[in-house]
Amino acid sequence: QVQLAESGGGLVQPGGSLRLSCVVSGSIFRILHMGWYRQAPGKQRDLVATVTSVGTTYYVDSVKGRFTISRDNAKNTVYLQMNSLKPEDTAVYYCNLSPPPGYDNWGQGTQVTVSS
């Protein structure tokens, strides 16, 4: 099992930026497809973006052009650069495998709040 540790969230004004990081335990990170997910209050956890082991990326429509997912295999880390943030981006953000595994390995996530 991999362990996941997200960081980088916070309170930001609309139009602002944040960079989330997720450190992944283990020596097989470089072959893992990874994703960022988010869960807003009272809603289910949804996919935001994915990056394959070779760097191919995918974004849901609501974040295209604003968010960028990337990875650094030397640091076992996946990033989510979030620009032009909107109040509707407010959520707890999680990273995990893409697709998520069949067992519960979700980390604590990192809270992102977009508010003036």
Protein backbone atom coordinates (compact mmCIF):
# COMPACT_ATOMS: atom_id res chain seq x y z
CA GLN A 1 0.00 0.00 0.00
CA VAL A 2 1.11 3.54 -0.67
CA GLN A 3 0.70 6.29 1.87
CA LEU A 4 -0.22 9.79 0.84
CA ALA A 5 0.46 13.14 2.50
CA GLU A 6 -1.15 16.25 1.04
CA SER A 7 -0.17 19.81 1.89
CA GLY A 8 -0.36 23.35 0.59
CA GLY A 9 -3.98 24.27 1.15
CA GLY A 10 -5.21 27.46 2.74
CA LEU A 11 -7.47 30.46 2.50
CA VAL A 12 -7.20 32.48 -0.68
CA GLN A 13 -9.21 35.25 -2.30
CA PRO A 14 -11.05 34.66 -5.58
CA GLY A 15 -8.60 34.94 -8.44
CA GLY A 16 -5.71 33.81 -6.28
CA SER A 17 -3.39 30.83 -6.58
CA LEU A 18 -2.27 27.87 -4.50
CA ARG A 19 0.09 24.98 -5.12
CA LEU A 20 -0.78 21.67 -3.55
CA SER A 21 1.78 18.92 -2.98
CA CYS A 22 1.36 15.24 -2.29
CA VAL A 23 4.23 13.04 -1.16
CA VAL A 24 3.75 9.35 -1.91
CA SER A 25 5.52 6.65 0.06
CA GLY A 26 7.28 3.72 -1.55
CA SER A 27 9.67 3.03 -4.37
CA ILE A 28 7.17 2.47 -7.15
CA PHE A 29 5.91 6.03 -7.49
CA ARG A 30 7.38 6.44 -10.94
CA ILE A 31 5.11 3.78 -12.40
CA LEU A 32 1.93 4.97 -10.70
CA HIS A 33 -0.80 6.94 -12.39
CA MET A 34 -1.84 9.65 -9.95
CA GLY A 35 -4.81 11.93 -9.50
CA TRP A 36 -6.09 14.86 -7.49
CA TYR A 37 -9.62 14.68 -6.14
CA ARG A 38 -11.76 17.06 -4.12
CA GLN A 39 -14.73 16.88 -1.81
CA ALA A 40 -16.86 19.91 -1.12
CA PRO A 41 -19.07 20.04 1.99
CA GLY A 42 -22.07 17.76 1.61
CA LYS A 43 -20.91 16.40 -1.73
CA GLN A 44 -19.15 13.30 -2.96
CA ARG A 45 -15.47 13.19 -3.72
CA ASP A 46 -14.82 13.97 -7.37
CA LEU A 47 -11.89 13.70 -9.74
CA VAL A 48 -10.07 16.95 -10.58
CA ALA A 49 -7.05 15.93 -12.66
CA THR A 50 -4.80 12.98 -13.42
CA VAL A 51 -1.25 12.42 -14.58
CA THR A 52 0.00 9.13 -15.95
CA SER A 53 3.37 7.57 -15.24
CA VAL A 54 4.68 9.13 -18.46
CA GLY A 55 3.21 12.56 -17.80
CA THR A 56 0.01 12.56 -19.82
CA THR A 57 -2.53 14.77 -18.12
CA TYR A 58 -6.31 15.00 -17.93
CA TYR A 59 -8.53 17.69 -16.39
CA VAL A 60 -12.21 17.91 -15.70
CA ASP A 61 -13.87 20.70 -17.63
CA SER A 62 -14.41 22.94 -14.61
CA VAL A 63 -10.65 23.34 -14.00
CA LYS A 64 -9.25 23.25 -17.54
CA GLY A 65 -7.01 26.22 -18.22
CA ARG A 66 -6.77 27.07 -14.51
CA PHE A 67 -5.19 24.02 -12.85
CA THR A 68 -2.01 22.18 -13.76
CA ILE A 69 -1.08 18.74 -12.46
CA SER A 70 2.55 17.66 -12.53
CA ARG A 71 4.87 15.16 -10.91
CA ASP A 72 8.48 14.89 -9.77
CA ASN A 73 9.48 11.25 -9.70
CA ALA A 74 12.77 12.04 -7.95
CA LYS A 75 10.79 13.45 -5.02
CA ASN A 76 7.88 11.00 -5.09
CA THR A 77 5.62 14.04 -5.31
CA VAL A 78 2.63 15.07 -7.37
CA TYR A 79 1.58 18.73 -7.54
CA LEU A 80 -1.54 20.68 -8.36
CA GLN A 81 -1.00 24.30 -9.34
CA MET A 82 -4.30 26.13 -9.00
CA ASN A 83 -4.73 29.56 -10.55
CA SER A 84 -7.72 31.86 -10.98
CA LEU A 85 -9.40 30.18 -8.04
CA LYS A 86 -13.15 30.49 -7.63
CA PRO A 87 -15.38 30.07 -4.57
CA GLU A 88 -16.70 26.86 -6.10
CA ASP A 89 -13.19 25.39 -5.87
CA THR A 90 -13.57 25.35 -2.09
CA ALA A 91 -13.12 21.74 -0.93
CA VAL A 92 -10.82 19.30 0.76
CA TYR A 93 -8.30 18.18 -1.85
CA TYR A 94 -6.86 14.66 -1.87
CA CYS A 95 -4.35 12.85 -4.01
CA ASN A 96 -4.50 9.16 -4.75
CA LEU A 97 -3.81 6.60 -7.41
CA SER A 98 -5.71 6.95 -10.66
CA PRO A 99 -8.07 5.22 -10.48
CA PRO A 100 -8.23 4.95 -6.68
CA PRO A 101 -7.50 1.47 -5.30
CA GLY A 102 -10.20 -0.84 -3.99
CA TYR A 103 -9.13 -0.31 -0.39
CA ASP A 104 -9.40 2.86 1.67
CA ASN A 105 -6.02 4.54 1.59
CA TRP A 106 -7.13 8.16 1.46
CA GLY A 107 -4.96 10.63 3.33
CA GLN A 108 -6.19 13.51 5.43
CA GLY A 109 -6.38 15.85 2.49
CA THR A 110 -5.72 19.56 2.50
CA GLN A 111 -8.41 22.23 2.86
CA VAL A 112 -8.72 24.87 0.17
CA THR A 113 -11.04 27.78 0.90
CA VAL A 114 -11.67 30.46 -1.70
CA SER A 115 -13.40 33.43 -0.17
CA SER A 116 -13.17 37.19 0.02
